[in-house]
């Protein structure tokens, strides 16, 4: 495998103290790159390095503004600073980046660059050049602003629960309570709160669909799906491959999920399984509470990684202190969780809404996997290669969740650790159908852009019948119809979802490796992650000794292994 660290030339092209949130500071530097004469391939290589440093600086400025805005959606100054960048810097950046891409793509010396080193970069640049349309810049700005509005609406959602104001993530713990009345009360409160804003959210989404369809038409595509496959550099799989994943989810995982839910219904002794019955322990045991507060979460996670692999433990510890973590849920904080790399200082940032749940522990380990990926390819001089394709980036995070299984005793006694492992494996059977639901929904939405809201609802219900957990929604139909609105990817990062499914199958393969030889599996993990995005997707999978395939046959083999493990774990 080619070593992506081969070229480590440093550059001091960008002033250390630049304020990269201001276009007047960035413009002269980008212009200097555009004006630079290129006499040979060495000149072109230096341009790529200097541009990388400048792009990293700009990316980090945007990252910091986004982080600040999502941490404080109720802070007008943070919101306005982010929107100012989106409106006044990003459009100009897109235009000048296209001009730079054009310069590189047309450069006669590009053919003399090391093909193994530059193949992926030049391929991606050429694809971006063919997609670029100046008239799409204001549309993309509008799309980003609509996404921020969605975040703001969701961030403001709270409910009054038994005399206390709670954020929706904080309500997650009550859906796990053994008392069915408490679960129903909590579920209905959250569903009612979401329902209050469903019209406003649908308005935002309708506008997004229009904008996105127009973006695709402007770039010469029939629909936004086909445009996004190229924009996301999906060179190694097609919409047909995604449909094969949908079939696999339907044939392999849905029956497992529904069988597990049948067992759950019997164990709970209920006449019908309702939406608030899906997260409680079926045996009536108290919910798993792995930690109390962010400090305990961080300290125990550190111990877990140190035991798994001292190198991973050390990497995790670099994030403790120094503004790399914002973990606890609070009012005014955006929903969800993410890891965002600050590309110039080369430090990851982890954001989440921890409320003391097992799912929060999984999120912490998941986002730490992304952070390890960032850190492992930190020596890569080209920022483009410090970001892997999402299909592989998610292998970094999802495999960590599975590789952590033997070490969950940091948080639990043995019986609880077994419960957590079992719950996680059972969740895979639920997660893969949900990924197929969201992906199939997006394929339909964007290949049928003129659909009505009624048609969209009908399609959503049809997909829920095909892939859903088969629960009893009687009397709750309005909530079911708009349940897609809680999936923030549909709003902020369209077509980013199938990647979780592709990566989960890769992560399961790595998990099987670890059961045979944990040390080798971790070595494969670190070797592959060090490559960043410097090789095509199938080669990144191969570097970790994984097969790049996500059809029904691969899924069946892996889920059979999951089933075998479930048989061995106590109920």
Protein backbone atom coordinates (compact mmCIF):
# COMPACT_ATOMS: atom_id res chain seq x y z
CA UNK A 1 0.00 0.00 0.00
CA UNK A 2 1.30 3.44 -0.93
CA UNK A 3 2.42 5.49 2.06
CA UNK A 4 0.46 8.73 2.13
CA UNK A 5 3.08 10.31 4.40
CA UNK A 6 5.71 10.28 1.62
CA UNK A 7 5.51 14.01 0.97
CA UNK A 8 5.89 16.01 4.18
CA UNK A 9 7.10 19.37 2.87
CA UNK A 10 5.95 22.14 5.20
CA UNK A 11 4.67 25.51 4.09
CA UNK A 12 4.40 28.92 5.75
CA UNK A 13 2.22 30.41 3.05
CA UNK A 14 -0.54 31.51 5.45
CA UNK A 15 0.20 34.02 8.25
CA UNK A 16 -0.07 32.37 11.67
CA UNK A 17 -2.47 34.96 13.16
CA UNK A 18 -4.85 35.43 10.20
CA UNK A 19 -8.55 36.02 10.91
CA UNK A 20 -9.91 33.58 8.34
CA UNK A 21 -13.54 34.51 9.00
CA UNK A 22 -12.99 37.70 6.94
CA UNK A 23 -12.90 37.49 3.15
CA UNK A 24 -10.63 40.54 2.84
CA UNK A 25 -7.92 38.53 4.64
CA UNK A 26 -8.36 35.40 2.51
CA UNK A 27 -8.85 36.92 -0.92
CA UNK A 28 -5.23 38.10 -1.53
CA UNK A 29 -3.88 34.67 -0.62
CA UNK A 30 -6.26 32.78 -2.92
CA UNK A 31 -5.60 35.33 -5.67
CA UNK A 32 -1.83 34.85 -5.25
CA UNK A 33 -2.30 31.11 -5.83
CA UNK A 34 -4.44 31.80 -8.91
CA UNK A 35 -1.82 34.17 -10.33
CA UNK A 36 1.15 31.92 -9.60
CA UNK A 37 3.11 30.73 -12.66
CA UNK A 38 3.66 26.98 -12.80
CA UNK A 39 6.85 26.01 -14.65
CA UNK A 40 7.08 22.32 -13.69
CA UNK A 41 5.48 19.58 -11.60
CA UNK A 42 7.44 20.77 -8.52
CA UNK A 43 5.78 24.18 -8.85
CA UNK A 44 2.40 22.44 -9.05
CA UNK A 45 3.20 20.34 -5.96
CA UNK A 46 4.10 23.47 -4.01
CA UNK A 47 0.86 25.12 -5.13
CA UNK A 48 -1.07 22.06 -3.85
CA UNK A 49 0.71 22.29 -0.49
CA UNK A 50 0.15 26.04 -0.12
CA UNK A 51 -3.46 25.72 -1.15
CA UNK A 52 -3.91 22.89 1.36
CA UNK A 53 -2.68 25.10 4.20
CA UNK A 54 -4.99 27.91 3.12
CA UNK A 55 -7.98 25.57 2.74
CA UNK A 56 -7.24 24.10 6.18
CA UNK A 57 -7.19 27.60 7.69
CA UNK A 58 -10.50 28.52 6.07
CA UNK A 59 -12.09 25.19 6.98
CA UNK A 60 -11.07 25.66 10.61
CA UNK A 61 -12.56 29.15 10.72
CA UNK A 62 -15.87 27.74 9.52
CA UNK A 63 -15.59 24.79 11.92
CA UNK A 64 -15.17 27.10 14.91
CA UNK A 65 -18.16 29.22 13.87
CA UNK A 66 -20.33 26.11 13.37
CA UNK A 67 -19.22 24.60 16.69
CA UNK A 68 -20.01 27.83 18.52
CA UNK A 69 -23.40 28.13 16.83
CA UNK A 70 -24.47 24.52 17.57
CA UNK A 71 -23.26 24.78 21.18
CA UNK A 72 -25.34 27.96 21.62
CA UNK A 73 -28.28 28.06 19.14
CA UNK A 74 -29.91 30.69 21.39
CA UNK A 75 -26.89 33.04 21.12
CA UNK A 76 -27.65 35.69 18.50
CA UNK A 77 -23.99 36.68 18.16
CA UNK A 78 -22.88 33.08 17.51
CA UNK A 79 -25.70 32.59 15.01
CA UNK A 80 -24.96 35.83 13.18
CA UNK A 81 -21.23 35.13 13.00
CA UNK A 82 -21.93 31.73 11.40
CA UNK A 83 -24.50 33.18 8.99
CA UNK A 84 -22.15 36.04 8.09
CA UNK A 85 -19.54 33.48 7.01
CA UNK A 86 -22.15 31.46 5.09
CA UNK A 87 -23.44 34.55 3.29
CA UNK A 88 -20.30 36.62 2.77
CA UNK A 89 -17.31 34.26 2.72
CA UNK A 90 -18.51 30.85 1.56
CA UNK A 91 -19.93 32.01 -1.81
CA UNK A 92 -16.69 33.80 -2.73
CA UNK A 93 -14.69 30.83 -1.49
CA UNK A 94 -16.66 28.46 -3.73
CA UNK A 95 -16.06 30.67 -6.75
CA UNK A 96 -12.32 31.07 -6.24
CA UNK A 97 -11.90 27.41 -5.28
CA UNK A 98 -13.48 26.46 -8.59
CA UNK A 99 -11.05 28.74 -10.41
CA UNK A 100 -8.14 27.10 -8.56
CA UNK A 101 -9.53 23.63 -9.32
CA UNK A 102 -9.72 24.62 -12.99
CA UNK A 103 -6.14 25.86 -12.95
CA UNK A 104 -4.94 22.55 -11.44
CA UNK A 105 -7.10 20.34 -13.67
CA UNK A 106 -5.88 22.11 -16.84
CA UNK A 107 -2.23 22.34 -15.78
CA UNK A 108 0.05 20.58 -18.30
CA UNK A 109 2.33 19.47 -15.46
CA UNK A 110 -0.43 17.47 -13.70
CA UNK A 111 0.34 14.51 -15.96
CA UNK A 112 3.90 14.38 -14.55
CA UNK A 113 2.81 14.10 -10.91
CA UNK A 114 3.17 10.74 -9.16
CA UNK A 115 -0.06 9.00 -10.26
CA UNK A 116 -0.29 6.85 -7.12
CA UNK A 117 0.07 9.88 -4.87
CA UNK A 118 -2.23 12.26 -6.77
CA UNK A 119 -4.76 9.96 -8.45
CA UNK A 120 -7.57 10.55 -5.92
CA UNK A 121 -6.96 14.30 -5.56
CA UNK A 122 -6.94 14.95 -9.32
CA UNK A 123 -9.97 12.69 -9.85
CA UNK A 124 -11.95 14.60 -7.20
CA UNK A 125 -10.85 18.03 -8.49
CA UNK A 126 -11.88 17.14 -12.05
CA UNK A 127 -15.30 15.95 -10.85
CA UNK A 128 -15.81 19.19 -8.91
CA UNK A 129 -14.83 21.28 -11.95
CA UNK A 130 -17.42 19.55 -14.13
CA UNK A 131 -20.13 20.09 -11.46
CA UNK A 132 -19.45 23.73 -10.67
CA UNK A 133 -22.03 26.34 -11.70
CA UNK A 134 -21.78 29.91 -10.48
CA UNK A 135 -25.57 30.18 -10.29
CA UNK A 136 -25.59 27.34 -7.72
CA UNK A 137 -23.59 29.31 -5.16
CA UNK A 138 -26.53 31.44 -3.89
CA UNK A 139 -28.73 28.32 -3.90
CA UNK A 140 -26.24 26.44 -1.72
CA UNK A 141 -26.02 29.43 0.63
CA UNK A 142 -29.80 29.44 0.94
CA UNK A 143 -29.78 25.68 1.61
CA UNK A 144 -27.23 26.10 4.43
CA UNK A 145 -29.28 28.89 5.99
CA UNK A 146 -32.42 26.73 5.88
CA UNK A 147 -30.46 23.97 7.62
CA UNK A 148 -29.51 26.44 10.35
CA UNK A 149 -33.21 27.34 10.78
CA UNK A 150 -34.04 23.65 11.26
CA UNK A 151 -31.25 23.37 13.90
CA UNK A 152 -32.58 26.46 15.66
CA UNK A 153 -36.16 25.11 15.77
CA UNK A 154 -34.95 21.76 17.15
CA UNK A 155 -32.53 23.37 19.62
CA UNK A 156 -35.38 25.42 21.12
CA UNK A 157 -37.58 22.36 21.76
CA UNK A 158 -38.14 21.63 25.44
CA UNK A 159 -40.99 20.05 27.40
CA UNK A 160 -42.35 20.47 30.92
CA UNK A 161 -42.03 17.04 32.56
CA UNK A 162 -43.21 16.64 36.14
CA UNK A 163 -42.49 20.24 37.02
CA UNK A 164 -39.12 20.51 35.28
CA UNK A 165 -38.11 21.87 31.89
CA UNK A 166 -36.27 19.19 29.87
CA UNK A 167 -34.58 19.14 26.48
CA UNK A 168 -35.70 16.36 24.13
CA UNK A 169 -32.37 14.46 24.48
CA UNK A 170 -32.82 14.61 28.26
CA UNK A 171 -36.25 12.99 27.83
CA UNK A 172 -34.57 9.96 26.23
CA UNK A 173 -33.92 8.42 29.65
CA UNK A 174 -37.66 8.28 30.49
CA UNK A 175 -38.45 6.21 27.38
CA UNK A 176 -36.29 3.50 29.01
CA UNK A 177 -38.12 3.50 32.36
CA UNK A 178 -39.71 0.22 33.45
CA UNK A 179 -43.00 1.92 34.32
CA UNK A 180 -45.08 1.88 31.12
CA UNK A 181 -47.11 4.92 32.11
CA UNK A 182 -43.93 6.99 32.54
CA UNK A 183 -42.67 5.86 29.13
CA UNK A 184 -45.95 6.72 27.41
CA UNK A 185 -46.16 10.11 29.12
CA UNK A 186 -42.58 10.95 28.09
CA UNK A 187 -43.03 9.68 24.53
CA UNK A 188 -46.27 11.62 24.00
CA UNK A 189 -44.79 14.82 25.44
CA UNK A 190 -41.84 14.65 23.04
CA UNK A 191 -44.03 13.67 20.08
CA UNK A 192 -46.47 16.52 20.82
CA UNK A 193 -43.60 18.98 21.08
CA UNK A 194 -42.17 17.89 17.73
CA UNK A 195 -45.66 18.00 16.24
CA UNK A 196 -46.04 21.69 17.18
CA UNK A 197 -43.34 22.59 14.68
CA UNK A 198 -44.05 20.01 12.00
CA UNK A 199 -45.58 22.56 9.58
CA UNK A 200 -42.61 24.92 9.93
CA UNK A 201 -40.20 22.02 9.40
CA UNK A 202 -42.13 20.83 6.34
CA UNK A 203 -42.00 24.39 4.96
CA UNK A 204 -38.22 24.35 5.34
CA UNK A 205 -37.96 20.93 3.70
CA UNK A 206 -40.20 21.88 0.76
CA UNK A 207 -37.96 24.87 0.12
CA UNK A 208 -34.84 22.70 0.37
CA UNK A 209 -36.19 20.23 -2.20
CA UNK A 210 -36.86 23.06 -4.68
CA UNK A 211 -33.39 24.53 -4.17
CA UNK A 212 -31.67 21.17 -4.46
CA UNK A 213 -33.55 20.17 -7.59
CA UNK A 214 -32.68 23.48 -9.24
CA UNK A 215 -29.03 22.97 -8.26
CA UNK A 216 -29.04 19.62 -10.07
CA UNK A 217 -30.78 21.02 -13.18
CA UNK A 218 -28.26 23.88 -13.33
CA UNK A 219 -25.41 21.35 -13.35
CA UNK A 220 -26.97 19.34 -16.19
CA UNK A 221 -28.51 16.50 -14.16
CA UNK A 222 -32.08 15.21 -14.31
CA UNK A 223 -32.35 15.01 -10.54
CA UNK A 224 -30.57 15.84 -7.31
CA UNK A 225 -29.81 12.20 -6.50
CA UNK A 226 -27.64 11.75 -9.58
CA UNK A 227 -26.01 15.14 -8.97
CA UNK A 228 -25.18 14.19 -5.37
CA UNK A 229 -23.62 10.87 -6.34
CA UNK A 230 -21.07 12.82 -8.34
CA UNK A 231 -20.76 15.65 -5.79
CA UNK A 232 -20.08 13.10 -3.05
CA UNK A 233 -17.45 11.42 -5.25
CA UNK A 234 -19.32 8.13 -5.23
CA UNK A 235 -17.14 6.64 -7.96
CA UNK A 236 -17.20 3.12 -6.56
CA UNK A 237 -20.92 2.40 -6.21
CA UNK A 238 -24.22 3.37 -7.82
CA UNK A 239 -27.91 3.91 -6.94
CA UNK A 240 -28.43 0.27 -7.96
CA UNK A 241 -25.93 -0.80 -5.27
CA UNK A 242 -27.93 1.22 -2.74
CA UNK A 243 -31.06 -0.62 -3.84
CA UNK A 244 -29.20 -3.91 -3.24
CA UNK A 245 -28.52 -2.66 0.30
CA UNK A 246 -32.23 -1.86 0.72
CA UNK A 247 -33.10 -5.41 -0.41
CA UNK A 248 -30.56 -6.87 2.00
CA UNK A 249 -32.01 -4.83 4.87
CA UNK A 250 -35.52 -6.01 3.99
CA UNK A 251 -34.62 -9.70 3.48
CA UNK A 252 -32.00 -10.15 6.23
CA UNK A 253 -32.43 -7.57 9.00
CA UNK A 254 -36.15 -6.75 9.07
CA UNK A 255 -37.15 -10.36 9.92
CA UNK A 256 -34.54 -10.43 12.72
CA UNK A 257 -35.77 -7.07 14.09
CA UNK A 258 -39.42 -8.15 13.99
CA UNK A 259 -38.61 -11.51 15.61
CA UNK A 260 -36.80 -9.67 18.42
CA UNK A 261 -39.80 -7.36 18.79
CA UNK A 262 -42.13 -10.39 18.98
CA UNK A 263 -39.99 -11.69 21.85
CA UNK A 264 -40.06 -8.23 23.43
CA UNK A 265 -43.87 -8.10 23.28
CA UNK A 266 -44.14 -11.53 24.93
CA UNK A 267 -41.57 -10.64 27.63
CA UNK A 268 -43.34 -7.37 28.42
CA UNK A 269 -46.69 -9.17 28.53
CA UNK A 270 -48.47 -6.46 26.51
CA UNK A 271 -51.35 -6.87 24.04
CA UNK A 272 -49.59 -4.77 21.42
CA UNK A 273 -46.13 -3.24 21.10
CA UNK A 274 -46.32 0.55 21.13
CA UNK A 275 -43.60 3.07 20.13
CA UNK A 276 -42.75 3.70 23.81
CA UNK A 277 -42.07 -0.04 24.38
CA UNK A 278 -38.98 -0.26 22.16
CA UNK A 279 -36.24 1.10 24.46
CA UNK A 280 -37.22 -0.38 27.84
CA UNK A 281 -35.50 -3.51 29.09
CA UNK A 282 -37.87 -6.35 28.17
CA UNK A 283 -37.15 -8.15 31.45
CA UNK A 284 -38.19 -5.15 33.51
CA UNK A 285 -34.71 -4.36 34.78
CA UNK A 286 -33.83 -0.75 35.49
CA UNK A 287 -32.31 1.17 32.55
CA UNK A 288 -28.56 0.98 32.13
CA UNK A 289 -26.93 4.11 33.51
CA UNK A 290 -23.25 3.87 32.57
CA UNK A 291 -22.13 7.23 33.95
CA UNK A 292 -23.26 10.26 35.88
CA UNK A 293 -22.12 13.47 34.21
CA UNK A 294 -19.59 14.27 31.51
CA UNK A 295 -16.50 14.07 33.74
CA UNK A 296 -17.19 10.46 34.65
CA UNK A 297 -17.96 9.61 31.02
CA UNK A 298 -14.60 11.04 29.90
CA UNK A 299 -12.54 9.44 32.63
CA UNK A 300 -14.02 5.95 32.17
CA UNK A 301 -13.83 6.18 28.37
CA UNK A 302 -10.14 7.03 28.72
CA UNK A 303 -9.57 3.93 30.86
CA UNK A 304 -11.46 1.80 28.33
CA UNK A 305 -9.25 2.95 25.44
CA UNK A 306 -6.03 2.59 27.44
CA UNK A 307 -6.92 -1.04 28.10
CA UNK A 308 -7.88 -1.68 24.48
CA UNK A 309 -4.71 -0.13 23.09
CA UNK A 310 -2.34 2.30 24.86
CA UNK A 311 -1.91 4.29 21.64
CA UNK A 312 -5.69 4.87 21.40
CA UNK A 313 -5.78 5.79 25.10
CA UNK A 314 -3.07 8.42 24.59
CA UNK A 315 -4.89 9.85 21.56
CA UNK A 316 -8.12 10.10 23.54
CA UNK A 317 -6.33 11.89 26.38
CA UNK A 318 -5.11 14.62 24.01
CA UNK A 319 -8.75 15.76 23.84
CA UNK A 320 -9.22 16.13 27.58
CA UNK A 321 -9.11 19.84 28.29
CA UNK A 322 -8.22 22.35 25.63
CA UNK A 323 -11.74 22.94 24.31
CA UNK A 324 -12.06 19.62 22.42
CA UNK A 325 -15.24 18.35 24.13
CA UNK A 326 -18.80 19.67 24.69
CA UNK A 327 -20.77 16.68 25.89
CA UNK A 328 -23.77 17.44 28.12
CA UNK A 329 -27.29 18.28 26.93
CA UNK A 330 -28.65 21.73 27.78
CA UNK A 331 -31.27 24.15 26.55
CA UNK A 332 -30.22 26.02 23.40
CA UNK A 333 -27.83 23.31 22.24
CA UNK A 334 -28.40 21.79 18.79
CA UNK A 335 -29.50 18.12 18.67
CA UNK A 336 -27.30 15.16 17.80
CA UNK A 337 -23.61 14.50 18.02
CA UNK A 338 -20.63 15.02 15.74
CA UNK A 339 -16.85 15.12 15.52
CA UNK A 340 -15.44 18.10 13.63
CA UNK A 341 -11.74 18.37 12.88
CA UNK A 342 -10.11 21.79 13.19
CA UNK A 343 -7.92 21.35 10.12
CA UNK A 344 -5.20 23.88 10.81
CA UNK A 345 -4.42 23.06 14.43
CA UNK A 346 -5.22 19.42 13.51
CA UNK A 347 -7.33 18.82 16.60
CA UNK A 348 -10.70 17.10 16.72
CA UNK A 349 -13.75 18.48 18.53
CA UNK A 350 -16.51 16.21 19.88
CA UNK A 351 -20.06 17.51 20.37
CA UNK A 352 -22.91 15.47 21.86
CA UNK A 353 -25.95 15.63 24.13
CA UNK A 354 -25.14 13.20 26.93
CA UNK A 355 -27.93 12.43 29.39
CA UNK A 356 -26.41 9.37 31.11
CA UNK A 357 -27.73 6.71 28.70
CA UNK A 358 -26.06 3.65 27.19
CA UNK A 359 -26.66 5.27 23.78
CA UNK A 360 -24.62 8.25 25.00
CA UNK A 361 -21.73 5.95 25.85
CA UNK A 362 -21.97 4.47 22.34
CA UNK A 363 -21.98 8.00 20.88
CA UNK A 364 -18.87 8.92 22.89
CA UNK A 365 -16.99 5.85 21.63
CA UNK A 366 -18.29 6.42 18.08
CA UNK A 367 -17.17 10.05 17.94
CA UNK A 368 -13.84 9.09 19.54
CA UNK A 369 -13.36 6.70 16.59
CA UNK A 370 -13.76 9.64 14.23
CA UNK A 371 -11.28 11.61 16.31
CA UNK A 372 -8.75 8.73 16.15
CA UNK A 373 -9.14 8.74 12.37
CA UNK A 374 -8.38 12.47 12.28
CA UNK A 375 -5.37 12.10 14.58
CA UNK A 376 -3.95 9.04 12.78
CA UNK A 377 -3.75 10.92 9.47
CA UNK A 378 -2.63 14.22 11.02
CA UNK A 379 0.83 14.03 9.38
CA UNK A 380 -0.75 14.04 5.90
CA UNK A 381 0.25 17.39 4.33
CA UNK A 382 -2.75 17.62 1.98
CA UNK A 383 -5.93 18.54 3.82
CA UNK A 384 -7.97 16.82 1.10
CA UNK A 385 -6.44 13.51 2.19
CA UNK A 386 -6.98 14.17 5.88
CA UNK A 387 -10.69 13.57 5.18
CA UNK A 388 -11.64 10.03 4.16
CA UNK A 389 -14.79 9.22 2.19
CA UNK A 390 -17.67 9.04 4.67
CA UNK A 391 -18.27 5.37 3.84
CA UNK A 392 -14.86 4.67 5.37
CA UNK A 393 -14.84 7.46 7.95
CA UNK A 394 -17.81 5.72 9.58
CA UNK A 395 -15.88 2.43 9.71
CA UNK A 396 -13.47 4.28 12.01
CA UNK A 397 -16.27 5.13 14.42
CA UNK A 398 -18.62 2.14 14.14
CA UNK A 399 -15.88 -0.45 14.52
CA UNK A 400 -14.81 1.28 17.76
CA UNK A 401 -18.30 0.70 19.19
CA UNK A 402 -17.90 -3.04 18.56
CA UNK A 403 -14.22 -3.26 19.54
CA UNK A 404 -15.16 -1.68 22.90
CA UNK A 405 -17.41 -4.63 23.84
CA UNK A 406 -14.79 -6.54 25.91
CA UNK A 407 -14.06 -3.37 27.94
CA UNK A 408 -17.57 -2.29 28.93
CA UNK A 409 -16.80 -3.51 32.45
CA UNK A 410 -15.23 -0.05 32.90
CA UNK A 411 -18.82 1.18 33.14
CA UNK A 412 -20.75 -1.87 34.33
CA UNK A 413 -20.71 -5.04 36.36
CA UNK A 414 -20.56 -8.19 34.19
CA UNK A 415 -24.31 -8.75 33.86
CA UNK A 416 -24.91 -5.13 32.83
CA UNK A 417 -21.98 -5.23 30.38
CA UNK A 418 -23.58 -8.29 28.75
CA UNK A 419 -26.87 -6.39 28.55
CA UNK A 420 -25.11 -3.46 26.88
CA UNK A 421 -23.38 -5.76 24.35
CA UNK A 422 -26.60 -7.56 23.62
CA UNK A 423 -28.51 -4.30 23.21
CA UNK A 424 -25.90 -2.94 20.81
CA UNK A 425 -25.97 -6.07 18.62
CA UNK A 426 -29.78 -6.11 18.62
CA UNK A 427 -29.71 -2.44 17.64
CA UNK A 428 -27.75 -3.34 14.49
CA UNK A 429 -30.74 -5.34 13.30
CA UNK A 430 -32.87 -2.21 13.82
CA UNK A 431 -30.35 0.33 12.56
CA UNK A 432 -29.71 -1.21 9.14
CA UNK A 433 -33.46 -1.15 8.23
CA UNK A 434 -33.65 2.48 9.45
CA UNK A 435 -30.68 3.41 7.24
CA UNK A 436 -32.42 1.71 4.30
CA UNK A 437 -35.62 3.65 5.12
CA UNK A 438 -33.89 7.05 5.15
CA UNK A 439 -31.82 6.28 2.03
CA UNK A 440 -34.79 4.93 0.04
CA UNK A 441 -36.84 7.97 1.16
CA UNK A 442 -34.18 10.34 -0.18
CA UNK A 443 -33.91 8.44 -3.50
CA UNK A 444 -37.67 8.79 -3.94
CA UNK A 445 -37.87 12.43 -2.79
CA UNK A 446 -35.23 13.68 -5.21
CA UNK A 447 -36.21 11.57 -8.21
CA UNK A 448 -39.82 12.80 -7.67
CA UNK A 449 -39.15 16.46 -6.80
CA UNK A 450 -42.66 17.65 -7.71
CA UNK A 451 -44.36 15.42 -5.13
CA UNK A 452 -46.99 16.83 -2.77
CA UNK A 453 -46.80 16.60 1.01
CA UNK A 454 -49.55 13.97 0.91
CA UNK A 455 -47.51 11.86 -1.52
CA UNK A 456 -44.43 12.27 0.65
CA UNK A 457 -46.38 11.10 3.70
CA UNK A 458 -47.74 8.12 1.75
CA UNK A 459 -44.21 7.17 0.65
CA UNK A 460 -42.89 7.48 4.20
CA UNK A 461 -45.67 5.22 5.54
CA UNK A 462 -45.03 2.72 2.73
CA UNK A 463 -41.32 2.57 3.64
CA UNK A 464 -42.16 2.23 7.32
CA UNK A 465 -44.37 -0.76 6.44
CA UNK A 466 -41.48 -2.25 4.44
CA UNK A 467 -38.62 -1.61 6.88
CA UNK A 468 -40.22 -0.55 10.18
CA UNK A 469 -40.38 -2.38 13.52
CA UNK A 470 -44.06 -3.38 13.13
CA UNK A 471 -45.36 -1.55 16.19
CA UNK A 472 -48.94 -0.53 16.89
CA UNK A 473 -49.47 3.12 15.86
CA UNK A 474 -53.25 3.17 16.38
CA UNK A 475 -54.31 6.60 17.64
CA UNK A 476 -50.80 7.93 16.93
CA UNK A 477 -51.02 8.21 13.14
CA UNK A 478 -50.15 11.94 12.90
CA UNK A 479 -46.90 11.32 14.83
CA UNK A 480 -45.97 8.43 12.56
CA UNK A 481 -46.57 10.54 9.44
CA UNK A 482 -43.98 13.14 10.42
CA UNK A 483 -41.50 10.89 12.26
CA UNK A 484 -38.98 11.41 9.43
CA UNK A 485 -38.52 15.01 10.59
CA UNK A 486 -36.34 13.95 13.52
CA UNK A 487 -33.62 12.71 11.13
CA UNK A 488 -31.41 15.77 10.94
CA UNK A 489 -29.35 14.37 8.02
CA UNK A 490 -32.33 14.94 5.69
CA UNK A 491 -32.01 18.66 6.40
CA UNK A 492 -28.34 19.43 7.02
CA UNK A 493 -26.46 16.81 4.99
CA UNK A 494 -28.66 15.39 2.21
CA UNK A 495 -27.75 11.92 0.93
CA UNK A 496 -25.41 11.36 3.87
CA UNK A 497 -26.90 8.20 5.38
CA UNK A 498 -26.27 5.08 3.30
CA UNK A 499 -22.63 5.57 4.36
CA UNK A 500 -23.59 4.38 7.86
CA UNK A 501 -24.88 1.13 6.40
CA UNK A 502 -21.87 0.51 4.15
CA UNK A 503 -19.56 1.30 7.06
CA UNK A 504 -21.49 -0.87 9.52
CA UNK A 505 -20.84 -3.89 7.33
CA UNK A 506 -17.15 -2.95 7.30
CA UNK A 507 -17.16 -2.48 11.08
CA UNK A 508 -18.75 -5.90 11.58
CA UNK A 509 -15.97 -7.45 9.51
CA UNK A 510 -13.37 -5.75 11.71
CA UNK A 511 -15.22 -6.99 14.81
CA UNK A 512 -15.00 -10.57 13.48
CA UNK A 513 -11.26 -10.04 12.91
CA UNK A 514 -10.88 -8.87 16.52
CA UNK A 515 -12.58 -12.01 17.83
CA UNK A 516 -9.91 -14.06 16.06
CA UNK A 517 -6.94 -11.75 16.78
CA UNK A 518 -7.62 -8.45 18.53
CA UNK A 519 -4.06 -7.14 18.13
CA UNK A 520 -4.10 -7.74 14.38
CA UNK A 521 -7.55 -6.14 14.01
CA UNK A 522 -6.35 -2.99 15.81
CA UNK A 523 -3.19 -2.92 13.65
CA UNK A 524 -5.38 -3.18 10.53
CA UNK A 525 -7.59 -0.39 11.89
CA UNK A 526 -4.66 1.98 12.51
CA UNK A 527 -2.93 1.16 9.19
CA UNK A 528 -6.07 1.88 7.20
CA UNK A 529 -6.98 5.04 9.13
CA UNK A 530 -3.50 6.50 8.56
CA UNK A 531 -4.28 6.56 4.83
CA UNK A 532 -7.01 9.17 5.38
CA UNK A 533 -8.65 9.65 1.99
CA UNK A 534 -5.52 9.18 -0.12
CA UNK A 535 -6.70 6.02 -1.90
CA UNK A 536 -9.98 4.99 -3.59
CA UNK A 537 -12.67 3.57 -1.31
CA UNK A 538 -12.19 -0.17 -2.13
CA UNK A 539 -8.45 0.18 -1.37
CA UNK A 540 -9.17 1.80 2.01
CA UNK A 541 -11.35 -1.19 2.90
CA UNK A 542 -8.65 -3.56 1.63
CA UNK A 543 -6.02 -1.82 3.80
CA UNK A 544 -8.02 -2.98 6.85
CA UNK A 545 -8.49 -6.41 5.21
CA UNK A 546 -12.21 -5.71 4.68
CA UNK A 547 -14.38 -6.53 1.68
CA UNK A 548 -16.09 -3.58 -0.01
CA UNK A 549 -19.51 -5.06 -0.67
CA UNK A 550 -22.90 -4.28 0.83
CA UNK A 551 -25.44 -6.47 -0.93
CA UNK A 552 -27.73 -9.12 0.64
CA UNK A 553 -25.13 -11.94 0.60
CA UNK A 554 -22.49 -10.00 2.57
CA UNK A 555 -25.18 -8.75 4.95
CA UNK A 556 -26.51 -12.27 5.50
CA UNK A 557 -23.09 -13.68 6.41
CA UNK A 558 -22.39 -10.92 8.91
CA UNK A 559 -25.83 -10.94 10.51
CA UNK A 560 -25.56 -14.72 10.94
CA UNK A 561 -22.44 -14.03 13.04
CA UNK A 562 -24.31 -11.39 15.02
CA UNK A 563 -27.12 -13.88 15.61
CA UNK A 564 -24.62 -16.49 16.84
CA UNK A 565 -23.16 -13.98 19.29
CA UNK A 566 -26.65 -13.06 20.51
CA UNK A 567 -27.34 -16.76 21.19
CA UNK A 568 -24.24 -16.88 23.42
CA UNK A 569 -25.09 -13.75 25.43
CA UNK A 570 -27.50 -13.96 28.40
CA UNK A 571 -30.96 -12.55 27.71
